[in-house]
């Protein structure tokens, strides 16, 4: 399990990345475009991306194996609550070990 956390500005855009076997999971949030404090609308929108690293090919020039990240799932969530309510179900589609899902959830927001 590997985690990286990249931030452009504090509390602005957050990127959380973790890996499990051949899958890479990225959770990120972005401020809504032209967001104003309207009642009933969240300031940030959340995204979950799942990549599969199993696609590879051999480079004919140097015989090295090149691995490609293939996006297999992307989901947008309107609020943080929507993300937290649905993340376990999405992770369980790709991670079959409950302990590994728990480790991923400890890393995520």
N, C-alpha and C. Protein backbone atom coordinates (compact mmCIF):
# COMPACT_ATOMS: atom_id res chain seq x y z
N UNK A 1 0.85 -1.17 0.00
CA UNK A 1 0.00 0.00 0.00
C UNK A 1 0.90 1.23 0.00
N UNK A 2 0.70 2.10 -0.96
CA UNK A 2 1.51 3.30 -1.07
C UNK A 2 0.59 4.49 -1.15
N UNK A 3 0.93 5.57 -0.44
CA UNK A 3 0.12 6.77 -0.45
C UNK A 3 0.97 7.96 -0.80
N UNK A 4 0.44 8.83 -1.64
CA UNK A 4 1.08 10.12 -1.87
C UNK A 4 0.00 11.17 -1.73
N UNK A 5 0.37 12.34 -1.28
CA UNK A 5 -0.58 13.42 -1.09
C UNK A 5 0.05 14.68 -1.66
N UNK A 6 -0.58 15.26 -2.66
CA UNK A 6 -0.07 16.45 -3.31
C UNK A 6 -1.07 17.58 -3.08
N UNK A 7 -0.56 18.74 -2.70
CA UNK A 7 -1.45 19.88 -2.50
C UNK A 7 -0.87 21.09 -3.21
N UNK A 8 -1.72 21.79 -3.94
CA UNK A 8 -1.27 23.02 -4.58
C UNK A 8 -1.29 24.16 -3.59
N UNK A 9 -2.40 24.36 -2.91
CA UNK A 9 -2.53 25.35 -1.86
C UNK A 9 -3.21 24.64 -0.69
N UNK A 10 -2.96 25.08 0.51
CA UNK A 10 -3.65 24.45 1.64
C UNK A 10 -5.17 24.57 1.47
N UNK A 11 -5.86 23.46 1.61
CA UNK A 11 -7.32 23.40 1.54
C UNK A 11 -7.88 23.79 0.18
N UNK A 12 -7.08 23.77 -0.87
CA UNK A 12 -7.59 24.10 -2.20
C UNK A 12 -7.89 22.81 -2.95
N UNK A 13 -6.96 22.29 -3.72
CA UNK A 13 -7.15 21.03 -4.44
C UNK A 13 -6.32 19.96 -3.76
N UNK A 14 -6.94 18.89 -3.38
CA UNK A 14 -6.25 17.80 -2.72
C UNK A 14 -6.26 16.58 -3.63
N UNK A 15 -5.13 15.87 -3.67
CA UNK A 15 -5.04 14.63 -4.43
C UNK A 15 -4.51 13.55 -3.50
N UNK A 16 -5.27 12.49 -3.37
CA UNK A 16 -4.85 11.34 -2.57
C UNK A 16 -4.75 10.16 -3.51
N UNK A 17 -3.62 9.48 -3.45
CA UNK A 17 -3.35 8.37 -4.37
C UNK A 17 -2.93 7.16 -3.56
N UNK A 18 -3.48 6.00 -3.89
CA UNK A 18 -3.02 4.77 -3.26
C UNK A 18 -3.10 3.64 -4.27
N UNK A 19 -2.30 2.61 -4.01
CA UNK A 19 -2.16 1.48 -4.92
C UNK A 19 -2.52 0.19 -4.21
N UNK A 20 -3.10 -0.72 -4.96
CA UNK A 20 -3.33 -2.07 -4.48
C UNK A 20 -3.14 -3.00 -5.67
N UNK A 21 -2.16 -3.88 -5.56
CA UNK A 21 -1.79 -4.82 -6.63
C UNK A 21 -1.66 -4.05 -7.95
N UNK A 22 -2.47 -4.35 -8.94
CA UNK A 22 -2.35 -3.69 -10.24
C UNK A 22 -3.24 -2.47 -10.39
N UNK A 23 -3.88 -2.04 -9.33
CA UNK A 23 -4.80 -0.91 -9.41
C UNK A 23 -4.22 0.32 -8.72
N UNK A 24 -4.52 1.45 -9.31
CA UNK A 24 -4.15 2.74 -8.73
C UNK A 24 -5.45 3.52 -8.53
N UNK A 25 -5.64 4.06 -7.34
CA UNK A 25 -6.84 4.82 -7.00
C UNK A 25 -6.43 6.27 -6.73
N UNK A 26 -7.16 7.20 -7.31
CA UNK A 26 -6.89 8.61 -7.07
C UNK A 26 -8.20 9.27 -6.66
N UNK A 27 -8.17 9.93 -5.52
CA UNK A 27 -9.31 10.72 -5.05
C UNK A 27 -8.86 12.17 -5.04
N UNK A 28 -9.66 13.03 -5.63
CA UNK A 28 -9.28 14.43 -5.70
C UNK A 28 -10.52 15.31 -5.53
N UNK A 29 -10.28 16.55 -5.19
CA UNK A 29 -11.38 17.50 -5.11
C UNK A 29 -10.97 18.78 -5.82
N UNK A 30 -11.95 19.43 -6.42
CA UNK A 30 -11.72 20.69 -7.11
C UNK A 30 -12.82 21.66 -6.72
N UNK A 31 -12.43 22.91 -6.59
CA UNK A 31 -13.39 23.94 -6.30
C UNK A 31 -14.30 24.12 -7.52
N UNK A 32 -15.57 24.26 -7.27
CA UNK A 32 -16.50 24.44 -8.38
C UNK A 32 -16.21 25.75 -9.11
N UNK A 33 -16.36 25.73 -10.41
CA UNK A 33 -16.11 26.92 -11.23
C UNK A 33 -17.17 27.97 -10.91
N UNK A 34 -16.71 29.21 -10.74
CA UNK A 34 -17.60 30.34 -10.43
C UNK A 34 -18.46 30.07 -9.21
N UNK A 35 -17.88 29.39 -8.21
CA UNK A 35 -18.64 29.04 -7.02
C UNK A 35 -18.86 30.27 -6.16
N UNK A 36 -20.08 30.46 -5.76
CA UNK A 36 -20.43 31.49 -4.77
C UNK A 36 -21.17 30.77 -3.67
N UNK A 37 -21.23 31.36 -2.53
CA UNK A 37 -21.85 30.69 -1.39
C UNK A 37 -23.36 30.68 -1.52
N UNK A 38 -23.86 29.77 -2.34
CA UNK A 38 -25.29 29.59 -2.46
C UNK A 38 -25.71 28.49 -1.51
N UNK A 39 -26.84 28.67 -0.90
CA UNK A 39 -27.32 27.66 0.03
C UNK A 39 -27.71 26.39 -0.74
N UNK A 40 -27.27 25.25 -0.26
CA UNK A 40 -27.61 23.99 -0.89
C UNK A 40 -26.57 23.48 -1.87
N UNK A 41 -25.54 24.25 -2.17
CA UNK A 41 -24.50 23.83 -3.08
C UNK A 41 -23.18 23.71 -2.34
N UNK A 42 -22.48 22.61 -2.55
CA UNK A 42 -21.17 22.42 -1.92
C UNK A 42 -20.11 23.21 -2.67
N UNK A 43 -19.09 23.65 -1.95
CA UNK A 43 -18.01 24.44 -2.55
C UNK A 43 -17.11 23.58 -3.43
N UNK A 44 -16.92 22.31 -3.05
CA UNK A 44 -16.03 21.42 -3.78
C UNK A 44 -16.80 20.27 -4.41
N UNK A 45 -16.23 19.75 -5.48
CA UNK A 45 -16.73 18.54 -6.10
C UNK A 45 -15.62 17.50 -6.01
N UNK A 46 -15.97 16.24 -5.77
CA UNK A 46 -15.00 15.18 -5.52
C UNK A 46 -15.02 14.17 -6.65
N UNK A 47 -13.83 13.63 -6.97
CA UNK A 47 -13.69 12.69 -8.07
C UNK A 47 -12.89 11.48 -7.61
N UNK A 48 -13.26 10.31 -8.11
CA UNK A 48 -12.54 9.07 -7.86
C UNK A 48 -12.18 8.46 -9.20
N UNK A 49 -10.89 8.19 -9.39
CA UNK A 49 -10.40 7.57 -10.62
C UNK A 49 -9.75 6.24 -10.27
N UNK A 50 -9.98 5.22 -11.09
CA UNK A 50 -9.36 3.92 -10.91
C UNK A 50 -8.61 3.59 -12.19
N UNK A 51 -7.33 3.24 -12.04
CA UNK A 51 -6.49 2.89 -13.18
C UNK A 51 -6.01 1.45 -13.03
N UNK A 52 -5.88 0.77 -14.15
CA UNK A 52 -5.37 -0.61 -14.19
C UNK A 52 -4.00 -0.57 -14.85
N UNK A 53 -3.00 -1.16 -14.19
CA UNK A 53 -1.63 -1.14 -14.70
C UNK A 53 -1.23 -2.44 -15.38
N UNK A 54 -2.19 -3.29 -15.70
CA UNK A 54 -1.85 -4.59 -16.28
C UNK A 54 -1.56 -4.53 -17.77
N UNK A 55 -1.92 -3.46 -18.43
CA UNK A 55 -1.66 -3.37 -19.86
C UNK A 55 -0.20 -3.00 -20.07
N UNK A 56 0.52 -3.85 -20.75
CA UNK A 56 1.95 -3.62 -20.98
C UNK A 56 2.31 -4.11 -22.37
N UNK A 57 3.36 -3.55 -22.90
CA UNK A 57 3.87 -4.04 -24.18
C UNK A 57 5.38 -3.93 -24.17
N UNK A 58 6.03 -4.68 -25.01
CA UNK A 58 7.49 -4.68 -25.09
C UNK A 58 7.92 -3.68 -26.16
N UNK A 59 8.77 -2.78 -25.75
CA UNK A 59 9.30 -1.79 -26.68
C UNK A 59 10.26 -2.50 -27.64
N UNK A 60 10.01 -2.37 -28.93
CA UNK A 60 10.82 -3.07 -29.94
C UNK A 60 12.24 -2.52 -30.03
N UNK A 61 12.44 -1.26 -29.66
CA UNK A 61 13.76 -0.64 -29.78
C UNK A 61 14.73 -1.11 -28.70
N UNK A 62 14.24 -1.22 -27.46
CA UNK A 62 15.16 -1.56 -26.37
C UNK A 62 14.72 -2.79 -25.57
N UNK A 63 13.68 -3.47 -25.98
CA UNK A 63 13.17 -4.70 -25.35
C UNK A 63 12.74 -4.51 -23.90
N UNK A 64 12.46 -3.28 -23.49
CA UNK A 64 11.96 -3.03 -22.15
C UNK A 64 10.44 -3.09 -22.14
N UNK A 65 9.89 -3.49 -21.00
CA UNK A 65 8.44 -3.57 -20.87
C UNK A 65 7.92 -2.19 -20.47
N UNK A 66 6.96 -1.68 -21.23
CA UNK A 66 6.32 -0.40 -20.94
C UNK A 66 4.94 -0.69 -20.38
N UNK A 67 4.66 -0.14 -19.20
CA UNK A 67 3.38 -0.35 -18.54
C UNK A 67 2.53 0.90 -18.72
N UNK A 68 1.27 0.69 -19.05
CA UNK A 68 0.36 1.80 -19.27
C UNK A 68 -0.70 1.84 -18.18
N UNK A 69 -1.07 3.03 -17.76
CA UNK A 69 -2.19 3.20 -16.85
C UNK A 69 -3.45 3.35 -17.69
N UNK A 70 -4.36 2.41 -17.56
CA UNK A 70 -5.61 2.45 -18.30
C UNK A 70 -6.72 2.83 -17.34
N UNK A 71 -7.39 3.93 -17.61
CA UNK A 71 -8.48 4.36 -16.74
C UNK A 71 -9.67 3.42 -16.95
N UNK A 72 -10.11 2.80 -15.87
CA UNK A 72 -11.23 1.87 -15.97
C UNK A 72 -12.47 2.37 -15.25
N UNK A 73 -12.32 3.42 -14.46
CA UNK A 73 -13.49 3.94 -13.74
C UNK A 73 -13.23 5.38 -13.35
N UNK A 74 -14.23 6.24 -13.53
CA UNK A 74 -14.17 7.59 -12.98
C UNK A 74 -15.58 7.98 -12.53
N UNK A 75 -15.64 8.55 -11.35
CA UNK A 75 -16.92 8.91 -10.75
C UNK A 75 -16.79 10.31 -10.16
N UNK A 76 -17.80 11.12 -10.36
CA UNK A 76 -17.86 12.45 -9.75
C UNK A 76 -18.90 12.41 -8.64
N UNK A 77 -18.55 13.02 -7.51
CA UNK A 77 -19.45 13.10 -6.37
C UNK A 77 -19.74 14.56 -6.07
N UNK A 78 -21.00 14.88 -5.82
CA UNK A 78 -21.40 16.26 -5.60
C UNK A 78 -20.92 16.80 -4.26
N UNK A 79 -20.82 15.93 -3.26
CA UNK A 79 -20.41 16.37 -1.92
C UNK A 79 -19.45 15.35 -1.31
N UNK A 80 -18.80 15.77 -0.24
CA UNK A 80 -17.91 14.87 0.49
C UNK A 80 -18.70 13.72 1.10
N UNK A 81 -19.91 14.00 1.54
CA UNK A 81 -20.75 12.96 2.12
C UNK A 81 -21.08 11.88 1.09
N UNK A 82 -21.36 12.28 -0.15
CA UNK A 82 -21.61 11.30 -1.21
C UNK A 82 -20.39 10.41 -1.44
N UNK A 83 -19.21 11.01 -1.41
CA UNK A 83 -17.97 10.24 -1.58
C UNK A 83 -17.81 9.22 -0.47
N UNK A 84 -17.96 9.67 0.77
CA UNK A 84 -17.75 8.76 1.90
C UNK A 84 -18.80 7.66 1.96
N UNK A 85 -20.01 7.93 1.50
CA UNK A 85 -21.06 6.90 1.52
C UNK A 85 -20.86 5.85 0.44
N UNK A 86 -20.15 6.18 -0.63
CA UNK A 86 -20.04 5.26 -1.76
C UNK A 86 -18.65 4.67 -1.98
N UNK A 87 -17.64 5.15 -1.29
CA UNK A 87 -16.28 4.73 -1.60
C UNK A 87 -16.05 3.25 -1.27
N UNK A 88 -16.62 2.75 -0.19
CA UNK A 88 -16.42 1.34 0.17
C UNK A 88 -16.95 0.42 -0.92
N UNK A 89 -18.12 0.73 -1.47
CA UNK A 89 -18.70 -0.11 -2.52
C UNK A 89 -17.83 -0.12 -3.77
N UNK A 90 -17.28 1.03 -4.12
CA UNK A 90 -16.43 1.11 -5.31
C UNK A 90 -15.12 0.35 -5.08
N UNK A 91 -14.49 0.55 -3.93
CA UNK A 91 -13.23 -0.15 -3.65
C UNK A 91 -13.43 -1.66 -3.61
N UNK A 92 -14.57 -2.11 -3.10
CA UNK A 92 -14.79 -3.56 -2.99
C UNK A 92 -14.96 -4.23 -4.35
N UNK A 93 -15.18 -3.45 -5.41
CA UNK A 93 -15.23 -4.03 -6.76
C UNK A 93 -13.85 -4.45 -7.24
N UNK A 94 -12.80 -3.79 -6.74
CA UNK A 94 -11.44 -4.03 -7.21
C UNK A 94 -10.55 -4.68 -6.16
N UNK A 95 -10.89 -4.52 -4.90
CA UNK A 95 -10.11 -5.08 -3.81
C UNK A 95 -10.98 -6.08 -3.07
N UNK A 96 -10.60 -7.35 -3.10
CA UNK A 96 -11.43 -8.39 -2.53
C UNK A 96 -11.08 -8.73 -1.08
N UNK A 97 -10.01 -8.16 -0.57
CA UNK A 97 -9.57 -8.43 0.80
C UNK A 97 -10.05 -7.30 1.70
N UNK A 98 -10.87 -7.62 2.70
CA UNK A 98 -11.44 -6.59 3.57
C UNK A 98 -10.38 -5.77 4.29
N UNK A 99 -9.29 -6.40 4.73
CA UNK A 99 -8.23 -5.67 5.43
C UNK A 99 -7.57 -4.65 4.52
N UNK A 100 -7.41 -4.97 3.25
CA UNK A 100 -6.81 -4.03 2.30
C UNK A 100 -7.75 -2.85 2.04
N UNK A 101 -9.05 -3.11 1.98
CA UNK A 101 -10.02 -2.03 1.80
C UNK A 101 -9.95 -1.10 3.00
N UNK A 102 -9.86 -1.67 4.19
CA UNK A 102 -9.76 -0.85 5.40
C UNK A 102 -8.52 0.02 5.37
N UNK A 103 -7.39 -0.51 4.92
CA UNK A 103 -6.15 0.27 4.81
C UNK A 103 -6.32 1.43 3.82
N UNK A 104 -6.99 1.19 2.71
CA UNK A 104 -7.25 2.25 1.73
C UNK A 104 -8.16 3.32 2.33
N UNK A 105 -9.16 2.90 3.08
CA UNK A 105 -10.07 3.87 3.69
C UNK A 105 -9.37 4.71 4.74
N UNK A 106 -8.37 4.17 5.41
CA UNK A 106 -7.60 4.96 6.38
C UNK A 106 -6.80 6.04 5.68
N UNK A 107 -6.38 5.79 4.44
CA UNK A 107 -5.59 6.75 3.68
C UNK A 107 -6.47 7.83 3.09
N UNK A 108 -7.68 7.45 2.66
CA UNK A 108 -8.56 8.39 1.96
C UNK A 108 -9.11 9.43 2.93
N UNK A 109 -9.73 10.50 2.38
CA UNK A 109 -10.12 11.68 3.18
C UNK A 109 -11.00 11.38 4.34
